[in-house]
């Protein structure tokens, strides 16, 4: 079983690369953002509860997101593996994910950290807002989301580096090139049980 996490700042390409990785290795793709947006679009009680956070660029409280992720992940524990896209987003979530997997006698194999500079992120998000109409991709919300990421999510790099699981990927290249680098790194891990230490 191959269990992966992909994280990085808003607009770094997590969703695109997660979809490609899932297809390549037959993994189940769990996107925290997609799950929450689906609840909001359906107008469920949960959707109404989290809407205020999502549309303001804030993180949904740990207890809410953990329950939603676990409910989905438990269905796939006997699959070829899971790629967690945009989760965990806080240190508490990371620790709880490790605990959850350990209780199922599983482990997190590799954590992909996407690196994209701030100007490119802004360009991508504003372009995506025009195409999709996502309320959390406006230029007004961009600064909020970046500050939240830097304060609450970027610390995951240190946490997973301490477990020798972090793979840093330069996400500035074209999508296909980034995908090829990630695939090469995953294949290397599966063959050698080691993670590339440098940015790829």
N, C-alpha and C. Protein backbone atom coordinates (compact mmCIF):
# COMPACT_ATOMS: atom_id res chain seq x y z
N UNK A 1 0.84 -1.19 0.00
CA UNK A 1 0.00 0.00 0.00
C UNK A 1 0.88 1.24 0.00
N UNK A 2 0.51 2.22 -0.82
CA UNK A 2 1.28 3.45 -0.94
C UNK A 2 0.40 4.62 -0.51
N UNK A 3 0.75 5.23 0.61
CA UNK A 3 -0.02 6.36 1.13
C UNK A 3 0.83 7.63 1.04
N UNK A 4 0.27 8.65 0.41
CA UNK A 4 0.99 9.88 0.15
C UNK A 4 0.20 11.09 0.65
N UNK A 5 0.94 12.14 0.97
CA UNK A 5 0.37 13.46 1.23
C UNK A 5 0.99 14.42 0.24
N UNK A 6 0.20 15.33 -0.31
CA UNK A 6 0.74 16.41 -1.12
C UNK A 6 0.26 17.72 -0.52
N UNK A 7 1.20 18.64 -0.27
CA UNK A 7 0.82 19.91 0.32
C UNK A 7 1.67 21.04 -0.27
N UNK A 8 1.20 22.24 -0.05
CA UNK A 8 1.89 23.42 -0.56
C UNK A 8 0.92 24.58 -0.51
N UNK A 9 1.38 25.77 -0.86
CA UNK A 9 0.53 26.95 -0.79
C UNK A 9 -0.62 26.91 -1.79
N UNK A 10 -1.63 27.72 -1.59
CA UNK A 10 -2.77 27.73 -2.52
C UNK A 10 -2.32 28.07 -3.93
N UNK A 11 -2.77 27.26 -4.90
CA UNK A 11 -2.41 27.50 -6.29
C UNK A 11 -1.14 26.81 -6.75
N UNK A 12 -0.55 25.96 -5.91
CA UNK A 12 0.73 25.34 -6.26
C UNK A 12 0.57 24.15 -7.21
N UNK A 13 -0.66 23.68 -7.42
CA UNK A 13 -0.87 22.55 -8.32
C UNK A 13 -1.13 21.23 -7.64
N UNK A 14 -1.50 21.28 -6.36
CA UNK A 14 -1.75 20.04 -5.61
C UNK A 14 -2.80 19.16 -6.28
N UNK A 15 -3.94 19.77 -6.63
CA UNK A 15 -5.04 19.00 -7.20
C UNK A 15 -4.67 18.35 -8.52
N UNK A 16 -4.03 19.12 -9.39
CA UNK A 16 -3.63 18.60 -10.71
C UNK A 16 -2.67 17.44 -10.56
N UNK A 17 -1.66 17.61 -9.74
CA UNK A 17 -0.66 16.55 -9.58
C UNK A 17 -1.25 15.34 -8.83
N UNK A 18 -2.13 15.58 -7.88
CA UNK A 18 -2.76 14.47 -7.16
C UNK A 18 -3.55 13.58 -8.11
N UNK A 19 -4.30 14.21 -9.02
CA UNK A 19 -5.08 13.45 -9.98
C UNK A 19 -4.18 12.59 -10.84
N UNK A 20 -3.08 13.13 -11.29
CA UNK A 20 -2.13 12.39 -12.14
C UNK A 20 -1.48 11.24 -11.37
N UNK A 21 -1.10 11.51 -10.14
CA UNK A 21 -0.47 10.47 -9.32
C UNK A 21 -1.45 9.34 -9.04
N UNK A 22 -2.68 9.70 -8.70
CA UNK A 22 -3.71 8.69 -8.42
C UNK A 22 -3.93 7.79 -9.63
N UNK A 23 -4.00 8.38 -10.80
CA UNK A 23 -4.21 7.60 -12.02
C UNK A 23 -3.00 6.70 -12.33
N UNK A 24 -1.80 7.23 -12.12
CA UNK A 24 -0.58 6.48 -12.41
C UNK A 24 -0.44 5.24 -11.53
N UNK A 25 -0.75 5.39 -10.24
CA UNK A 25 -0.48 4.30 -9.30
C UNK A 25 -1.75 3.62 -8.78
N UNK A 26 -2.90 3.98 -9.31
CA UNK A 26 -4.14 3.35 -8.88
C UNK A 26 -4.54 3.69 -7.47
N UNK A 27 -4.25 4.92 -7.04
CA UNK A 27 -4.54 5.34 -5.67
C UNK A 27 -5.89 6.02 -5.59
N UNK A 28 -6.47 6.02 -4.40
CA UNK A 28 -7.68 6.79 -4.14
C UNK A 28 -7.26 8.22 -3.82
N UNK A 29 -7.95 9.17 -4.39
CA UNK A 29 -7.63 10.59 -4.24
C UNK A 29 -8.63 11.24 -3.29
N UNK A 30 -8.15 11.68 -2.15
CA UNK A 30 -9.00 12.37 -1.19
C UNK A 30 -8.56 13.82 -1.11
N UNK A 31 -9.38 14.72 -1.63
CA UNK A 31 -9.10 16.15 -1.61
C UNK A 31 -9.97 16.83 -0.56
N UNK A 32 -9.34 17.40 0.45
CA UNK A 32 -10.12 18.07 1.49
C UNK A 32 -10.91 19.23 0.91
N UNK A 33 -10.30 19.99 0.01
CA UNK A 33 -11.00 21.13 -0.59
C UNK A 33 -12.22 20.71 -1.38
N UNK A 34 -12.07 19.65 -2.19
CA UNK A 34 -13.20 19.17 -3.00
C UNK A 34 -14.33 18.66 -2.11
N UNK A 35 -13.97 17.95 -1.05
CA UNK A 35 -14.99 17.43 -0.14
C UNK A 35 -15.80 18.56 0.48
N UNK A 36 -15.12 19.60 0.92
CA UNK A 36 -15.81 20.71 1.57
C UNK A 36 -16.64 21.52 0.58
N UNK A 37 -16.07 21.76 -0.59
CA UNK A 37 -16.82 22.53 -1.60
C UNK A 37 -18.07 21.77 -2.05
N UNK A 38 -17.97 20.45 -2.10
CA UNK A 38 -19.13 19.63 -2.46
C UNK A 38 -20.24 19.78 -1.42
N UNK A 39 -19.85 19.79 -0.15
CA UNK A 39 -20.83 19.96 0.92
C UNK A 39 -21.49 21.34 0.82
N UNK A 40 -20.69 22.35 0.50
CA UNK A 40 -21.23 23.71 0.38
C UNK A 40 -22.21 23.79 -0.79
N UNK A 41 -21.84 23.21 -1.94
CA UNK A 41 -22.70 23.25 -3.12
C UNK A 41 -24.02 22.52 -2.88
N UNK A 42 -23.98 21.45 -2.07
CA UNK A 42 -25.18 20.68 -1.79
C UNK A 42 -26.04 21.32 -0.70
N UNK A 43 -25.50 22.32 -0.04
CA UNK A 43 -26.24 23.01 1.00
C UNK A 43 -26.51 22.17 2.23
N UNK A 44 -25.60 21.24 2.54
CA UNK A 44 -25.77 20.38 3.70
C UNK A 44 -25.50 21.17 4.99
N UNK A 45 -25.83 20.56 6.12
CA UNK A 45 -25.54 21.20 7.41
C UNK A 45 -24.03 21.45 7.54
N UNK A 46 -23.23 20.45 7.13
CA UNK A 46 -21.78 20.62 7.20
C UNK A 46 -21.33 21.73 6.26
N UNK A 47 -21.92 21.76 5.06
CA UNK A 47 -21.56 22.79 4.10
C UNK A 47 -21.84 24.18 4.63
N UNK A 48 -22.99 24.35 5.24
CA UNK A 48 -23.34 25.65 5.82
C UNK A 48 -22.42 26.01 6.98
N UNK A 49 -21.95 24.99 7.67
CA UNK A 49 -21.07 25.21 8.81
C UNK A 49 -19.68 25.67 8.37
N UNK A 50 -19.17 25.10 7.27
CA UNK A 50 -17.79 25.41 6.86
C UNK A 50 -17.70 26.53 5.83
N UNK A 51 -18.82 26.91 5.25
CA UNK A 51 -18.81 27.92 4.18
C UNK A 51 -18.13 29.21 4.60
N UNK A 52 -18.40 29.64 5.82
CA UNK A 52 -17.83 30.90 6.29
C UNK A 52 -16.31 30.86 6.35
N UNK A 53 -15.76 29.68 6.64
CA UNK A 53 -14.31 29.54 6.69
C UNK A 53 -13.71 29.50 5.29
N UNK A 54 -14.26 28.65 4.42
CA UNK A 54 -13.73 28.46 3.08
C UNK A 54 -13.73 29.75 2.28
N UNK A 55 -14.85 30.45 2.30
CA UNK A 55 -14.97 31.65 1.47
C UNK A 55 -14.18 32.84 2.01
N UNK A 56 -13.73 32.76 3.25
CA UNK A 56 -12.89 33.83 3.82
C UNK A 56 -11.41 33.46 3.77
N UNK A 57 -11.10 32.27 3.23
CA UNK A 57 -9.71 31.86 3.11
C UNK A 57 -9.12 31.30 4.38
N UNK A 58 -9.97 30.95 5.34
CA UNK A 58 -9.51 30.41 6.61
C UNK A 58 -9.58 28.89 6.62
N UNK A 59 -8.82 28.27 7.51
CA UNK A 59 -8.86 26.82 7.63
C UNK A 59 -10.09 26.39 8.43
N UNK A 60 -10.70 25.30 7.98
CA UNK A 60 -11.82 24.72 8.71
C UNK A 60 -11.27 24.11 10.00
N UNK A 61 -11.95 24.25 11.13
CA UNK A 61 -11.45 23.71 12.40
C UNK A 61 -11.06 22.24 12.31
N UNK A 62 -10.01 21.88 13.05
CA UNK A 62 -9.43 20.54 12.97
C UNK A 62 -10.47 19.44 13.17
N UNK A 63 -11.31 19.60 14.18
CA UNK A 63 -12.28 18.54 14.50
C UNK A 63 -13.21 18.23 13.35
N UNK A 64 -13.64 19.27 12.64
CA UNK A 64 -14.56 19.09 11.52
C UNK A 64 -13.87 18.38 10.36
N UNK A 65 -12.69 18.86 9.98
CA UNK A 65 -12.02 18.29 8.81
C UNK A 65 -11.52 16.88 9.10
N UNK A 66 -11.05 16.62 10.31
CA UNK A 66 -10.59 15.27 10.65
C UNK A 66 -11.72 14.26 10.51
N UNK A 67 -12.88 14.59 11.02
CA UNK A 67 -14.03 13.68 10.94
C UNK A 67 -14.38 13.40 9.48
N UNK A 68 -14.38 14.44 8.64
CA UNK A 68 -14.73 14.27 7.23
C UNK A 68 -13.69 13.44 6.49
N UNK A 69 -12.42 13.68 6.74
CA UNK A 69 -11.36 12.93 6.07
C UNK A 69 -11.38 11.47 6.50
N UNK A 70 -11.49 11.23 7.80
CA UNK A 70 -11.49 9.86 8.29
C UNK A 70 -12.66 9.07 7.73
N UNK A 71 -13.82 9.70 7.65
CA UNK A 71 -15.01 9.02 7.12
C UNK A 71 -14.77 8.54 5.70
N UNK A 72 -14.02 9.31 4.92
CA UNK A 72 -13.71 8.91 3.54
C UNK A 72 -12.54 7.93 3.49
N UNK A 73 -11.53 8.18 4.29
CA UNK A 73 -10.33 7.33 4.24
C UNK A 73 -10.63 5.91 4.68
N UNK A 74 -11.50 5.74 5.65
CA UNK A 74 -11.78 4.40 6.18
C UNK A 74 -12.31 3.47 5.09
N UNK A 75 -12.93 4.03 4.07
CA UNK A 75 -13.47 3.20 2.98
C UNK A 75 -12.38 2.66 2.08
N UNK A 76 -11.19 3.26 2.15
CA UNK A 76 -10.15 2.91 1.18
C UNK A 76 -8.93 2.24 1.79
N UNK A 77 -9.03 1.81 3.05
CA UNK A 77 -7.83 1.28 3.72
C UNK A 77 -7.37 -0.06 3.14
N UNK A 78 -8.20 -0.69 2.32
CA UNK A 78 -7.78 -1.94 1.68
C UNK A 78 -7.50 -1.75 0.20
N UNK A 79 -7.34 -0.50 -0.22
CA UNK A 79 -7.05 -0.19 -1.62
C UNK A 79 -5.54 -0.20 -1.85
N UNK A 80 -5.13 0.16 -3.06
CA UNK A 80 -3.70 0.21 -3.38
C UNK A 80 -3.01 1.35 -2.62
N UNK A 81 -3.79 2.28 -2.11
CA UNK A 81 -3.23 3.40 -1.36
C UNK A 81 -4.08 4.65 -1.52
N UNK A 82 -3.70 5.68 -0.80
CA UNK A 82 -4.45 6.94 -0.79
C UNK A 82 -3.47 8.10 -0.98
N UNK A 83 -3.89 9.07 -1.78
CA UNK A 83 -3.16 10.34 -1.79
C UNK A 83 -4.05 11.39 -1.15
N UNK A 84 -3.56 11.98 -0.07
CA UNK A 84 -4.28 13.02 0.65
C UNK A 84 -3.87 14.37 0.08
N UNK A 85 -4.81 15.03 -0.55
CA UNK A 85 -4.56 16.29 -1.26
C UNK A 85 -5.07 17.45 -0.42
N UNK A 86 -4.13 18.28 0.07
CA UNK A 86 -4.53 19.42 0.89
C UNK A 86 -4.86 19.06 2.32
N UNK A 87 -4.48 17.89 2.72
CA UNK A 87 -4.65 17.44 4.10
C UNK A 87 -3.46 16.57 4.44
N UNK A 88 -2.85 16.77 5.61
CA UNK A 88 -3.20 17.71 6.68
C UNK A 88 -2.79 19.15 6.35
N UNK A 89 -3.42 20.08 7.06
CA UNK A 89 -3.08 21.49 6.89
C UNK A 89 -2.59 22.13 8.18
N UNK A 90 -2.61 21.37 9.26
CA UNK A 90 -2.07 21.86 10.53
C UNK A 90 -1.26 20.74 11.16
N UNK A 91 -0.43 21.11 12.14
CA UNK A 91 0.39 20.12 12.82
C UNK A 91 -0.49 19.11 13.55
N UNK A 92 -1.57 19.57 14.16
CA UNK A 92 -2.48 18.66 14.86
C UNK A 92 -3.04 17.63 13.89
N UNK A 93 -3.44 18.08 12.71
CA UNK A 93 -3.98 17.16 11.70
C UNK A 93 -2.93 16.14 11.27
N UNK A 94 -1.68 16.57 11.15
CA UNK A 94 -0.60 15.66 10.75
C UNK A 94 -0.39 14.57 11.80
N UNK A 95 -0.37 14.97 13.05
CA UNK A 95 -0.19 14.00 14.13
C UNK A 95 -1.37 13.03 14.19
N UNK A 96 -2.57 13.54 14.03
CA UNK A 96 -3.76 12.69 14.07
C UNK A 96 -3.82 11.75 12.87
N UNK A 97 -3.35 12.19 11.71
CA UNK A 97 -3.30 11.30 10.54
C UNK A 97 -2.34 10.14 10.80
N UNK A 98 -1.18 10.44 11.37
CA UNK A 98 -0.23 9.38 11.72
C UNK A 98 -0.87 8.39 12.69
N UNK A 99 -1.58 8.90 13.68
CA UNK A 99 -2.23 8.04 14.67
C UNK A 99 -3.29 7.17 14.02
N UNK A 100 -4.09 7.77 13.15
CA UNK A 100 -5.14 7.04 12.44
C UNK A 100 -4.55 5.89 11.62
N UNK A 101 -3.49 6.17 10.87
CA UNK A 101 -2.88 5.13 10.04
C UNK A 101 -2.24 4.04 10.89
N UNK A 102 -1.59 4.44 11.96
CA UNK A 102 -0.95 3.45 12.84
C UNK A 102 -1.97 2.50 13.44
N UNK A 103 -3.13 3.00 13.80
CA UNK A 103 -4.18 2.15 14.37
C UNK A 103 -4.67 1.12 13.35
N UNK A 104 -4.55 1.46 12.07
CA UNK A 104 -4.94 0.54 11.00
C UNK A 104 -3.74 -0.28 10.52
N UNK A 105 -2.62 -0.18 11.26
CA UNK A 105 -1.37 -0.87 10.93
C UNK A 105 -0.88 -0.48 9.53
N UNK A 106 -1.03 0.80 9.25
CA UNK A 106 -0.57 1.37 7.99
C UNK A 106 0.40 2.50 8.30
N UNK A 107 0.99 3.08 7.26
CA UNK A 107 1.87 4.21 7.47
C UNK A 107 1.80 5.17 6.29
N UNK A 108 2.24 6.38 6.54
CA UNK A 108 2.38 7.38 5.49
C UNK A 108 3.76 7.20 4.89
N UNK A 109 3.82 6.96 3.59
CA UNK A 109 5.10 6.66 2.96
C UNK A 109 5.89 7.88 2.54
N UNK A 110 5.21 8.85 1.92
CA UNK A 110 5.93 9.95 1.29
C UNK A 110 5.07 11.22 1.34
N UNK A 111 5.72 12.36 1.56
CA UNK A 111 5.03 13.64 1.61
C UNK A 111 5.63 14.56 0.55
N UNK A 112 4.80 14.96 -0.40
CA UNK A 112 5.25 15.80 -1.51
C UNK A 112 4.96 17.25 -1.19
N UNK A 113 6.02 18.05 -1.15
CA UNK A 113 5.92 19.47 -0.82
C UNK A 113 6.13 20.28 -2.09
N UNK A 114 5.08 20.93 -2.58
CA UNK A 114 5.14 21.69 -3.81
C UNK A 114 5.66 23.11 -3.54
N UNK A 115 6.65 23.53 -4.33
CA UNK A 115 7.26 24.84 -4.17
C UNK A 115 6.98 25.71 -5.38
N UNK A 116 6.29 26.83 -5.15
CA UNK A 116 5.96 27.78 -6.22
C UNK A 116 6.08 29.18 -5.62
N UNK A 117 6.69 30.13 -6.35
CA UNK A 117 6.87 31.46 -5.77
C UNK A 117 5.56 32.24 -5.73
N UNK A 118 5.55 33.26 -4.88
CA UNK A 118 4.32 33.97 -4.56
C UNK A 118 3.69 34.65 -5.78
N UNK A 119 4.49 35.24 -6.64
CA UNK A 119 3.94 35.92 -7.82
C UNK A 119 3.23 34.93 -8.74
N UNK A 120 3.82 33.76 -8.91
CA UNK A 120 3.20 32.75 -9.76
C UNK A 120 1.91 32.23 -9.13
N UNK A 121 1.91 32.07 -7.82
CA UNK A 121 0.71 31.62 -7.12
C UNK A 121 -0.44 32.61 -7.34
N UNK A 122 -0.13 33.89 -7.19
CA UNK A 122 -1.15 34.91 -7.37
C UNK A 122 -1.70 34.88 -8.80
N UNK A 123 -0.81 34.73 -9.76
CA UNK A 123 -1.22 34.67 -11.16
C UNK A 123 -2.14 33.48 -11.40
N UNK A 124 -1.77 32.33 -10.86
CA UNK A 124 -2.58 31.12 -11.05
C UNK A 124 -3.95 31.24 -10.40
N UNK A 125 -3.97 31.73 -9.19
CA UNK A 125 -5.23 31.79 -8.45
C UNK A 125 -6.21 32.80 -9.06
N UNK A 126 -5.71 33.96 -9.46
CA UNK A 126 -6.61 34.93 -10.07
C UNK A 126 -7.13 34.43 -11.41
N UNK A 127 -6.28 33.70 -12.14
CA UNK A 127 -6.74 33.10 -13.39
C UNK A 127 -7.78 32.03 -13.14
N UNK A 128 -7.57 31.24 -12.09
CA UNK A 128 -8.52 30.18 -11.76
C UNK A 128 -9.84 30.77 -11.31
N UNK A 129 -9.80 31.90 -10.62
CA UNK A 129 -11.02 32.54 -10.16
C UNK A 129 -11.87 32.98 -11.35
N UNK A 130 -11.21 33.49 -12.38
CA UNK A 130 -11.94 33.92 -13.57
C UNK A 130 -12.60 32.75 -14.28
N UNK A 131 -11.89 31.60 -14.28
CA UNK A 131 -12.40 30.42 -14.98
C UNK A 131 -13.50 29.70 -14.21
N UNK A 132 -13.31 29.57 -12.89
CA UNK A 132 -14.20 28.73 -12.10
C UNK A 132 -15.20 29.51 -11.24
N UNK A 133 -14.88 30.77 -10.98
CA UNK A 133 -15.75 31.56 -10.12
C UNK A 133 -15.63 31.22 -8.65
N UNK A 134 -14.56 30.51 -8.27
CA UNK A 134 -14.37 30.16 -6.86
C UNK A 134 -14.20 31.41 -6.02
N UNK A 135 -15.01 31.53 -4.97
CA UNK A 135 -14.98 32.73 -4.14
C UNK A 135 -13.74 32.81 -3.27
N UNK A 136 -13.03 31.67 -3.10
CA UNK A 136 -11.83 31.69 -2.26
C UNK A 136 -10.57 31.93 -3.08
N UNK A 137 -10.73 32.26 -4.38
CA UNK A 137 -9.58 32.51 -5.25
C UNK A 137 -9.46 33.97 -5.66
N UNK A 138 -10.18 34.87 -5.04
CA UNK A 138 -10.10 36.27 -5.40
C UNK A 138 -8.80 36.87 -4.88
N UNK A 139 -8.38 37.99 -5.49
CA UNK A 139 -7.14 38.63 -5.04
C UNK A 139 -7.24 39.12 -3.61
N UNK A 140 -8.45 39.47 -3.17
CA UNK A 140 -8.64 39.94 -1.80
C UNK A 140 -8.38 38.82 -0.79
N UNK A 141 -8.77 37.61 -1.16
CA UNK A 141 -8.61 36.47 -0.25
C UNK A 141 -7.21 35.87 -0.34
N UNK A 142 -6.51 36.12 -1.44
CA UNK A 142 -5.19 35.51 -1.65
C UNK A 142 -4.24 35.78 -0.48
N UNK A 143 -4.17 37.07 -0.06
CA UNK A 143 -3.28 37.40 1.05
C UNK A 143 -3.64 36.68 2.33
N UNK A 144 -4.93 36.54 2.58
CA UNK A 144 -5.39 35.83 3.78
C UNK A 144 -4.95 34.37 3.72
N UNK A 145 -5.19 33.74 2.58
CA UNK A 145 -4.84 32.32 2.45
C UNK A 145 -3.34 32.09 2.57
N UNK A 146 -2.54 33.00 2.03
CA UNK A 146 -1.09 32.86 2.13
C UNK A 146 -0.63 33.01 3.59
N UNK A 147 -1.19 33.98 4.29
CA UNK A 147 -0.81 34.16 5.70
C UNK A 147 -1.21 32.95 6.54
N UNK A 148 -2.37 32.41 6.26
CA UNK A 148 -2.83 31.21 6.97
C UNK A 148 -1.90 30.04 6.68
N UNK A 149 -1.52 29.89 5.40
CA UNK A 149 -0.61 28.80 5.02
C UNK A 149 0.73 28.94 5.74
N UNK A 150 1.30 30.13 5.69
CA UNK A 150 2.61 30.34 6.30
C UNK A 150 2.59 30.14 7.82
N UNK A 151 1.47 30.49 8.44
CA UNK A 151 1.38 30.39 9.89
C UNK A 151 1.02 28.98 10.36
N UNK A 152 0.14 28.29 9.63
CA UNK A 152 -0.41 27.03 10.14
C UNK A 152 -0.01 25.78 9.36
N UNK A 153 0.39 25.92 8.10
CA UNK A 153 0.64 24.73 7.28
C UNK A 153 2.10 24.53 6.94
N UNK A 154 2.86 25.61 6.76
CA UNK A 154 4.24 25.47 6.32
C UNK A 154 5.08 24.68 7.32
N UNK A 155 4.67 24.66 8.57
CA UNK A 155 5.41 23.92 9.60
C UNK A 155 5.42 22.41 9.33
N UNK A 156 4.55 21.94 8.46
CA UNK A 156 4.53 20.51 8.13
C UNK A 156 5.84 20.07 7.48
N UNK A 157 6.52 21.01 6.82
CA UNK A 157 7.81 20.66 6.21
C UNK A 157 8.78 20.15 7.27
N UNK A 158 8.87 20.86 8.38
CA UNK A 158 9.77 20.46 9.45
C UNK A 158 9.30 19.15 10.09
N UNK A 159 8.01 19.01 10.29
CA UNK A 159 7.46 17.81 10.92
C UNK A 159 7.80 16.57 10.10
N UNK A 160 7.53 16.62 8.80
CA UNK A 160 7.77 15.45 7.97
C UNK A 160 9.24 15.26 7.61
N UNK A 161 10.01 16.35 7.62
CA UNK A 161 11.46 16.21 7.42
C UNK A 161 12.05 15.39 8.55
N UNK A 162 11.51 15.59 9.76
CA UNK A 162 11.99 14.83 10.91
C UNK A 162 11.69 13.34 10.79
N UNK A 163 10.75 12.98 9.93
CA UNK A 163 10.41 11.58 9.69
C UNK A 163 11.08 11.06 8.41
N UNK A 164 11.90 11.91 7.78
CA UNK A 164 12.58 11.55 6.52
C UNK A 164 11.59 11.15 5.43
N UNK A 165 10.48 11.89 5.35
CA UNK A 165 9.45 11.56 4.37
C UNK A 165 9.21 12.68 3.35
N UNK A 166 9.88 13.82 3.52
CA UNK A 166 9.55 14.99 2.71
C UNK A 166 10.26 14.97 1.35
N UNK A 167 9.50 15.17 0.30
CA UNK A 167 10.03 15.28 -1.06
C UNK A 167 9.67 16.67 -1.57
N UNK A 168 10.66 17.51 -1.80
CA UNK A 168 10.41 18.88 -2.23
C UNK A 168 10.46 18.96 -3.76
N UNK A 169 9.41 19.52 -4.34
CA UNK A 169 9.26 19.54 -5.79
C UNK A 169 9.10 20.98 -6.27
N UNK A 170 9.93 21.37 -7.23
CA UNK A 170 9.80 22.69 -7.85
C UNK A 170 8.59 22.66 -8.77
N UNK A 171 7.54 23.35 -8.37
CA UNK A 171 6.30 23.33 -9.13
C UNK A 171 6.17 24.43 -10.16
N UNK A 172 7.28 25.12 -10.47
CA UNK A 172 7.23 26.23 -11.42
C UNK A 172 7.25 25.75 -12.87
N UNK A 173 7.67 24.52 -13.10
CA UNK A 173 7.78 23.99 -14.46
C UNK A 173 6.39 23.64 -15.01
N UNK A 174 6.30 23.35 -16.32
CA UNK A 174 5.02 22.90 -16.89
C UNK A 174 4.50 21.66 -16.18
N UNK A 175 3.18 21.47 -16.21
CA UNK A 175 2.53 20.37 -15.48
C UNK A 175 3.15 19.02 -15.80
N UNK A 176 3.36 18.73 -17.09
CA UNK A 176 3.88 17.43 -17.48
C UNK A 176 5.29 17.19 -16.93
N UNK A 177 6.09 18.24 -16.90
CA UNK A 177 7.45 18.12 -16.40
C UNK A 177 7.45 17.87 -14.90
N UNK A 178 6.59 18.58 -14.18
CA UNK A 178 6.47 18.37 -12.73
C UNK A 178 6.00 16.94 -12.45
N UNK A 179 5.02 16.49 -13.20
CA UNK A 179 4.50 15.12 -13.02
C UNK A 179 5.60 14.09 -13.22
N UNK A 180 6.41 14.28 -14.26
CA UNK A 180 7.48 13.32 -14.55
C UNK A 180 8.49 13.26 -13.41
N UNK A 181 8.80 14.40 -12.82
CA UNK A 181 9.75 14.43 -11.70
C UNK A 181 9.17 13.70 -10.49
N UNK A 182 7.90 13.92 -10.23
CA UNK A 182 7.26 13.27 -9.08
C UNK A 182 7.22 11.75 -9.28
N UNK A 183 6.86 11.32 -10.47
CA UNK A 183 6.81 9.88 -10.77
C UNK A 183 8.20 9.26 -10.59
N UNK A 184 9.22 9.93 -11.08
CA UNK A 184 10.59 9.41 -10.94
C UNK A 184 10.95 9.27 -9.46
N UNK A 185 10.56 10.26 -8.66
CA UNK A 185 10.88 10.22 -7.23
C UNK A 185 10.10 9.13 -6.50
N UNK A 186 8.83 8.96 -6.86
CA UNK A 186 8.03 7.90 -6.23
C UNK A 186 8.57 6.53 -6.60
N UNK A 187 8.91 6.34 -7.86
CA UNK A 187 9.47 5.06 -8.29
C UNK A 187 10.78 4.77 -7.58
N UNK A 188 11.59 5.81 -7.39
CA UNK A 188 12.85 5.64 -6.66
C UNK A 188 12.57 5.22 -5.22
N UNK A 189 11.59 5.84 -4.60
CA UNK A 189 11.24 5.48 -3.23
C UNK A 189 10.78 4.02 -3.15
N UNK A 190 9.94 3.63 -4.08
CA UNK A 190 9.40 2.27 -4.04
C UNK A 190 10.50 1.22 -4.27
N UNK A 191 11.50 1.58 -5.04
CA UNK A 191 12.59 0.64 -5.33
C UNK A 191 13.65 0.64 -4.24
N UNK A 192 14.01 1.83 -3.75
CA UNK A 192 15.14 1.96 -2.82
C UNK A 192 14.72 2.22 -1.37
N UNK A 193 13.42 2.52 -1.17
CA UNK A 193 12.92 2.90 0.16
C UNK A 193 13.67 4.09 0.73
N UNK A 194 13.93 5.07 -0.14
CA UNK A 194 14.57 6.30 0.30
C UNK A 194 14.02 7.47 -0.50
N UNK A 195 14.09 8.66 0.10
CA UNK A 195 13.51 9.85 -0.49
C UNK A 195 14.63 10.76 -1.00
N UNK A 196 14.45 11.31 -2.20
CA UNK A 196 15.42 12.28 -2.70
C UNK A 196 15.52 13.42 -1.70
N UNK A 197 16.75 13.77 -1.31
CA UNK A 197 16.94 14.79 -0.28
C UNK A 197 16.94 16.21 -0.83
N UNK A 198 17.23 16.37 -2.12
CA UNK A 198 17.28 17.70 -2.72
C UNK A 198 15.97 18.05 -3.40
N UNK A 199 15.78 19.32 -3.67
CA UNK A 199 14.61 19.76 -4.43
C UNK A 199 14.72 19.21 -5.85
N UNK A 200 13.63 18.62 -6.35
CA UNK A 200 13.66 18.07 -7.70
C UNK A 200 12.86 18.96 -8.65
